Amino acid sequence: MSCWLFLILPVSAFAGWLIHWIAGNYFMNRYLPRQDAPLAAKAGHWAGQLMKQSFNIEQKISDPALIEKAMPSIEKHIDDFLNVKLKEEIPMLAMFIGNKTTDKIREVFIDQLKTLFPQVMLQLTANLKNELNPEQIVTRQLTEKPLSSLMKKDMAAQLRRYRNAGLLYGLVIGLVNLVLLCFVL
């Protein structure tokens, strides 16, 4: 058996490492950057669907329980307005308005707010959803800062292990070839 046959081991190991190096560089520098736009669009679509499903804002904001929780604070502000600020701003009107009148005005204000509040909140959330479109935000952010550039930094160690695995695979293949050649020759 010739000593030249033992060159099969380093040549096979180098070939395995080289093939993995080429494949890894192609993936990181060519394939992955081409996938940035489609991945950004898919991630944006996913984020939009997730927001629609899990954060049903209209239903939560128009919930009567939420309005009831807010009512004590609203009533306090209405009382403050009717009993203090109105008398300060329009003193002549304060002389003609008594407690029964302010109580009736307060009652009318609260009833109107209970019917108006859900409608206003629904309109606000609809406008907010249009302005804060998560699908567009995620897509724009991923387009400005592509996934491939983020992954290159994080994938350096995995890419090194991938190349070393190629070296090991090539060495094993070379060893198998050497054993087969020994039996044939």
C-alpha atoms as a PDB file:
ATOM      1  CA  MET A   1       0.000   0.000   0.000  1.00  0.00           C
ATOM      2  CA  SER A   2       1.358   3.367  -0.985  1.00  0.00           C
ATOM      3  CA  CYS A   3       1.851   6.306   1.410  1.00  0.00           C
ATOM      4  CA  TRP A   4       0.048   8.489  -1.073  1.00  0.00           C
ATOM      5  CA  LEU A   5      -3.206   6.799  -0.142  1.00  0.00           C
ATOM      6  CA  PHE A   6      -3.038   8.434   3.273  1.00  0.00           C
ATOM      7  CA  LEU A   7      -3.426  11.788   1.527  1.00  0.00           C
ATOM      8  CA  ILE A   8      -7.051  10.795   1.036  1.00  0.00           C
ATOM      9  CA  LEU A   9      -7.744  11.735   4.670  1.00  0.00           C
ATOM     10  CA  PRO A  10      -6.606  15.392   4.620  1.00  0.00           C
ATOM     11  CA  VAL A  11      -7.896  15.928   1.069  1.00  0.00           C
ATOM     12  CA  SER A  12     -11.336  14.562   2.004  1.00  0.00           C
ATOM     13  CA  ALA A  13     -11.394  16.575   5.218  1.00  0.00           C
ATOM     14  CA  PHE A  14     -10.443  19.742   3.330  1.00  0.00           C
ATOM     15  CA  ALA A  15     -13.043  19.011   0.622  1.00  0.00           C
ATOM     16  CA  GLY A  16     -15.755  18.547   3.264  1.00  0.00           C
ATOM     17  CA  TRP A  17     -14.735  21.765   5.011  1.00  0.00           C
ATOM     18  CA  LEU A  18     -14.583  23.670   1.682  1.00  0.00           C
ATOM     19  CA  ILE A  19     -18.015  22.452   0.573  1.00  0.00           C
ATOM     20  CA  HIS A  20     -19.516  23.494   3.907  1.00  0.00           C
ATOM     21  CA  TRP A  21     -17.690  26.832   3.805  1.00  0.00           C
ATOM     22  CA  ILE A  22     -19.059  27.558   0.314  1.00  0.00           C
ATOM     23  CA  ALA A  23     -22.585  26.467   1.276  1.00  0.00           C
ATOM     24  CA  GLY A  24     -22.523  28.512   4.514  1.00  0.00           C
ATOM     25  CA  ASN A  25     -21.261  31.641   2.771  1.00  0.00           C
ATOM     26  CA  TYR A  26     -23.794  31.246  -0.006  1.00  0.00           C
ATOM     27  CA  PHE A  27     -26.588  30.906   2.545  1.00  0.00           C
ATOM     28  CA  MET A  28     -25.491  33.880   4.646  1.00  0.00           C
ATOM     29  CA  ASN A  29     -24.424  36.259   1.868  1.00  0.00           C
ATOM     30  CA  ARG A  30     -26.667  35.387  -1.070  1.00  0.00           C
ATOM     31  CA  TYR A  31     -29.712  33.353  -0.122  1.00  0.00           C
ATOM     32  CA  LEU A  32     -30.648  34.987   3.181  1.00  0.00           C
ATOM     33  CA  PRO A  33     -30.472  38.624   1.952  1.00  0.00           C
ATOM     34  CA  ARG A  34     -32.799  37.710  -0.921  1.00  0.00           C
ATOM     35  CA  GLN A  35     -35.333  36.450   1.608  1.00  0.00           C
ATOM     36  CA  ASP A  36     -35.395  39.686   3.648  1.00  0.00           C
ATOM     37  CA  ALA A  37     -38.336  41.327   1.854  1.00  0.00           C
ATOM     38  CA  PRO A  38     -40.584  38.232   1.766  1.00  0.00           C
ATOM     39  CA  LEU A  39     -39.762  37.437   5.399  1.00  0.00           C
ATOM     40  CA  ALA A  40     -40.491  41.027   6.439  1.00  0.00           C
ATOM     41  CA  ALA A  41     -43.843  40.902   4.646  1.00  0.00           C
ATOM     42  CA  LYS A  42     -44.742  37.566   6.241  1.00  0.00           C
ATOM     43  CA  ALA A  43     -43.700  38.752   9.704  1.00  0.00           C
ATOM     44  CA  GLY A  44     -45.714  41.945   9.250  1.00  0.00           C
ATOM     45  CA  HIS A  45     -48.766  39.993   8.141  1.00  0.00           C
ATOM     46  CA  TRP A  46     -48.361  37.646  11.115  1.00  0.00           C
ATOM     47  CA  ALA A  47     -48.075  40.590  13.530  1.00  0.00           C
ATOM     48  CA  GLY A  48     -51.174  42.207  12.034  1.00  0.00           C
ATOM     49  CA  GLN A  49     -53.190  39.009  12.371  1.00  0.00           C
ATOM     50  CA  LEU A  50     -51.963  38.510  15.929  1.00  0.00           C
ATOM     51  CA  MET A  51     -52.999  42.028  16.898  1.00  0.00           C
ATOM     52  CA  LYS A  52     -56.438  41.566  15.341  1.00  0.00           C
ATOM     53  CA  GLN A  53     -57.025  38.258  17.099  1.00  0.00           C
ATOM     54  CA  SER A  54     -55.552  38.784  20.530  1.00  0.00           C
ATOM     55  CA  PHE A  55     -56.037  42.507  21.093  1.00  0.00           C
ATOM     56  CA  ASN A  56     -59.663  43.082  20.146  1.00  0.00           C
ATOM     57  CA  ILE A  57     -59.506  46.703  21.275  1.00  0.00           C
ATOM     58  CA  GLU A  58     -62.983  47.736  20.096  1.00  0.00           C
ATOM     59  CA  GLN A  59     -64.662  45.063  22.146  1.00  0.00           C
ATOM     60  CA  LYS A  60     -62.600  45.812  25.246  1.00  0.00           C
ATOM     61  CA  ILE A  61     -63.056  49.577  25.090  1.00  0.00           C
ATOM     62  CA  SER A  62     -66.792  49.458  24.449  1.00  0.00           C
ATOM     63  CA  ASP A  63     -67.285  47.064  27.362  1.00  0.00           C
ATOM     64  CA  PRO A  64     -69.881  48.511  29.782  1.00  0.00           C
ATOM     65  CA  ALA A  65     -67.799  47.363  32.763  1.00  0.00           C
ATOM     66  CA  LEU A  66     -64.966  49.634  31.646  1.00  0.00           C
ATOM     67  CA  ILE A  67     -67.343  52.575  31.437  1.00  0.00           C
ATOM     68  CA  GLU A  68     -68.668  51.791  34.920  1.00  0.00           C
ATOM     69  CA  LYS A  69     -65.101  51.758  36.259  1.00  0.00           C
ATOM     70  CA  ALA A  70     -64.467  55.183  34.743  1.00  0.00           C
ATOM     71  CA  MET A  71     -67.746  56.710  35.946  1.00  0.00           C
ATOM     72  CA  PRO A  72     -66.619  57.699  39.496  1.00  0.00           C
ATOM     73  CA  SER A  73     -63.777  59.745  38.059  1.00  0.00           C
ATOM     74  CA  ILE A  74     -66.023  61.290  35.416  1.00  0.00           C
ATOM     75  CA  GLU A  75     -68.709  62.109  37.984  1.00  0.00           C
ATOM     76  CA  LYS A  76     -66.098  63.773  40.185  1.00  0.00           C
ATOM     77  CA  HIS A  77     -64.991  66.005  37.286  1.00  0.00           C
ATOM     78  CA  ILE A  78     -68.590  66.861  36.383  1.00  0.00           C
ATOM     79  CA  ASP A  79     -69.325  67.775  40.004  1.00  0.00           C
ATOM     80  CA  ASP A  80     -66.213  69.917  40.137  1.00  0.00           C
ATOM     81  CA  PHE A  81     -67.245  71.653  36.921  1.00  0.00           C
ATOM     82  CA  LEU A  82     -70.833  72.309  37.967  1.00  0.00           C
ATOM     83  CA  ASN A  83     -70.176  73.318  41.579  1.00  0.00           C
ATOM     84  CA  VAL A  84     -66.853  75.161  41.313  1.00  0.00           C
ATOM     85  CA  LYS A  85     -65.678  76.096  37.831  1.00  0.00           C
ATOM     86  CA  LEU A  86     -69.047  77.100  36.430  1.00  0.00           C
ATOM     87  CA  LYS A  87     -69.594  79.460  39.363  1.00  0.00           C
ATOM     88  CA  GLU A  88     -66.119  80.917  38.903  1.00  0.00           C
ATOM     89  CA  GLU A  89     -66.438  81.410  35.158  1.00  0.00           C
ATOM     90  CA  ILE A  90     -70.046  82.624  35.049  1.00  0.00           C
ATOM     91  CA  PRO A  91     -70.940  84.068  38.477  1.00  0.00           C
ATOM     92  CA  MET A  92     -74.285  85.480  37.273  1.00  0.00           C
ATOM     93  CA  LEU A  93     -75.434  82.017  36.234  1.00  0.00           C
ATOM     94  CA  ALA A  94     -74.496  80.619  39.634  1.00  0.00           C
ATOM     95  CA  MET A  95     -77.075  82.876  41.292  1.00  0.00           C
ATOM     96  CA  PHE A  96     -79.904  81.242  39.301  1.00  0.00           C
ATOM     97  CA  ILE A  97     -78.743  77.625  39.534  1.00  0.00           C
ATOM     98  CA  GLY A  98     -79.393  75.685  42.726  1.00  0.00           C
ATOM     99  CA  ASN A  99     -78.484  72.218  43.894  1.00  0.00           C
ATOM    100  CA  LYS A 100     -81.534  70.580  42.273  1.00  0.00           C
ATOM    101  CA  THR A 101     -80.635  72.106  38.916  1.00  0.00           C
ATOM    102  CA  THR A 102     -76.973  71.087  39.123  1.00  0.00           C
ATOM    103  CA  ASP A 103     -78.026  67.570  40.160  1.00  0.00           C
ATOM    104  CA  LYS A 104     -80.340  67.367  37.132  1.00  0.00           C
ATOM    105  CA  ILE A 105     -77.618  68.724  34.801  1.00  0.00           C
ATOM    106  CA  ARG A 106     -75.174  66.234  36.307  1.00  0.00           C
ATOM    107  CA  GLU A 107     -77.638  63.376  35.716  1.00  0.00           C
ATOM    108  CA  VAL A 108     -78.176  64.433  32.087  1.00  0.00           C
ATOM    109  CA  PHE A 109     -74.400  64.734  31.517  1.00  0.00           C
ATOM    110  CA  ILE A 110     -73.779  61.267  32.930  1.00  0.00           C
ATOM    111  CA  ASP A 111     -76.556  59.685  30.874  1.00  0.00           C
ATOM    112  CA  GLN A 112     -75.230  61.340  27.731  1.00  0.00           C
ATOM    113  CA  LEU A 113     -71.685  60.258  28.521  1.00  0.00           C
ATOM    114  CA  LYS A 114     -72.774  56.635  29.049  1.00  0.00           C
ATOM    115  CA  THR A 115     -74.286  56.559  25.560  1.00  0.00           C
ATOM    116  CA  LEU A 116     -71.648  58.726  23.901  1.00  0.00           C
ATOM    117  CA  PHE A 117     -68.524  57.251  25.513  1.00  0.00           C
ATOM    118  CA  PRO A 118     -68.594  53.826  23.742  1.00  0.00           C
ATOM    119  CA  GLN A 119     -69.211  55.448  20.350  1.00  0.00           C
ATOM    120  CA  VAL A 120     -66.387  57.936  20.789  1.00  0.00           C
ATOM    121  CA  MET A 121     -64.007  55.243  22.024  1.00  0.00           C
ATOM    122  CA  LEU A 122     -64.869  52.977  19.081  1.00  0.00           C
ATOM    123  CA  GLN A 123     -64.160  55.822  16.679  1.00  0.00           C
ATOM    124  CA  LEU A 124     -60.869  56.601  18.442  1.00  0.00           C
ATOM    125  CA  THR A 125     -59.741  52.986  18.369  1.00  0.00           C
ATOM    126  CA  ALA A 126     -60.661  52.668  14.688  1.00  0.00           C
ATOM    127  CA  ASN A 127     -58.551  55.741  13.915  1.00  0.00           C
ATOM    128  CA  LEU A 128     -55.773  54.455  16.163  1.00  0.00           C
ATOM    129  CA  LYS A 129     -55.785  51.053  14.468  1.00  0.00           C
ATOM    130  CA  ASN A 130     -55.471  52.745  11.090  1.00  0.00           C
ATOM    131  CA  GLU A 131     -52.603  54.928  12.261  1.00  0.00           C
ATOM    132  CA  LEU A 132     -50.830  52.209  14.233  1.00  0.00           C
ATOM    133  CA  ASN A 133     -51.013  49.430  11.691  1.00  0.00           C
ATOM    134  CA  PRO A 134     -48.760  46.716  13.192  1.00  0.00           C
ATOM    135  CA  GLU A 135     -48.380  45.005   9.830  1.00  0.00           C
ATOM    136  CA  GLN A 136     -46.874  48.128   8.273  1.00  0.00           C
ATOM    137  CA  ILE A 137     -44.744  48.915  11.331  1.00  0.00           C
ATOM    138  CA  VAL A 138     -43.176  45.435  11.511  1.00  0.00           C
ATOM    139  CA  THR A 139     -42.649  45.276   7.756  1.00  0.00           C
ATOM    140  CA  ARG A 140     -41.029  48.721   7.714  1.00  0.00           C
ATOM    141  CA  GLN A 141     -38.769  47.936  10.681  1.00  0.00           C
ATOM    142  CA  LEU A 142     -37.641  44.626   9.179  1.00  0.00           C
ATOM    143  CA  THR A 143     -37.031  46.301   5.827  1.00  0.00           C
ATOM    144  CA  GLU A 144     -34.924  49.034   7.428  1.00  0.00           C
ATOM    145  CA  LYS A 145     -32.965  46.560   9.553  1.00  0.00           C
ATOM    146  CA  PRO A 146     -32.975  43.287   7.580  1.00  0.00           C
ATOM    147  CA  LEU A 147     -33.008  39.913   9.249  1.00  0.00           C
ATOM    148  CA  SER A 148     -29.932  38.815   7.334  1.00  0.00           C
ATOM    149  CA  SER A 149     -27.804  41.538   8.910  1.00  0.00           C
ATOM    150  CA  LEU A 150     -29.117  40.656  12.364  1.00  0.00           C
ATOM    151  CA  MET A 151     -28.507  36.960  11.823  1.00  0.00           C
ATOM    152  CA  LYS A 152     -24.968  37.311  10.495  1.00  0.00           C
ATOM    153  CA  LYS A 153     -23.724  38.428  13.893  1.00  0.00           C
ATOM    154  CA  ASP A 154     -25.603  35.731  15.768  1.00  0.00           C
ATOM    155  CA  MET A 155     -24.838  32.932  13.321  1.00  0.00           C
ATOM    156  CA  ALA A 156     -21.039  33.266  13.293  1.00  0.00           C
ATOM    157  CA  ALA A 157     -20.518  30.559  15.928  1.00  0.00           C
ATOM    158  CA  GLN A 158     -23.060  28.205  14.311  1.00  0.00           C
ATOM    159  CA  LEU A 159     -21.451  28.749  10.924  1.00  0.00           C
ATOM    160  CA  ARG A 160     -18.042  27.869  12.392  1.00  0.00           C
ATOM    161  CA  ARG A 161     -19.516  24.649  13.869  1.00  0.00           C
ATOM    162  CA  TYR A 162     -21.120  23.897  10.496  1.00  0.00           C
ATOM    163  CA  ARG A 163     -17.741  24.212   8.765  1.00  0.00           C
ATOM    164  CA  ASN A 164     -16.076  22.060  11.412  1.00  0.00           C
ATOM    165  CA  ALA A 165     -18.803  19.449  10.921  1.00  0.00           C
ATOM    166  CA  GLY A 166     -17.943  19.514   7.214  1.00  0.00           C
ATOM    167  CA  LEU A 167     -14.301  18.896   8.139  1.00  0.00           C
ATOM    168  CA  LEU A 168     -15.329  15.951  10.309  1.00  0.00           C
ATOM    169  CA  TYR A 169     -17.678  14.527   7.650  1.00  0.00           C
ATOM    170  CA  GLY A 170     -14.938  14.811   5.047  1.00  0.00           C
ATOM    171  CA  LEU A 171     -12.487  13.058   7.380  1.00  0.00           C
ATOM    172  CA  VAL A 172     -14.944  10.212   8.009  1.00  0.00           C
ATOM    173  CA  ILE A 173     -15.629   9.844   4.276  1.00  0.00           C
ATOM    174  CA  GLY A 174     -11.884   9.837   3.605  1.00  0.00           C
ATOM    175  CA  LEU A 175     -11.389   7.189   6.284  1.00  0.00           C
ATOM    176  CA  VAL A 176     -14.132   5.022   4.774  1.00  0.00           C
ATOM    177  CA  ASN A 177     -12.546   5.448   1.333  1.00  0.00           C
ATOM    178  CA  LEU A 178      -9.123   4.526   2.719  1.00  0.00           C
ATOM    179  CA  VAL A 179     -10.491   1.372   4.375  1.00  0.00           C
ATOM    180  CA  LEU A 180     -12.295   0.379   1.193  1.00  0.00           C
ATOM    181  CA  LEU A 181      -9.173   0.950  -0.878  1.00  0.00           C
ATOM    182  CA  CYS A 182      -7.128  -1.138   1.563  1.00  0.00           C
ATOM    183  CA  PHE A 183      -9.517  -4.069   1.098  1.00  0.00           C
ATOM    184  CA  VAL A 184      -9.588  -3.665  -2.683  1.00  0.00           C
ATOM    185  CA  LEU A 185      -5.826  -3.335  -3.150  1.00  0.00           C
END
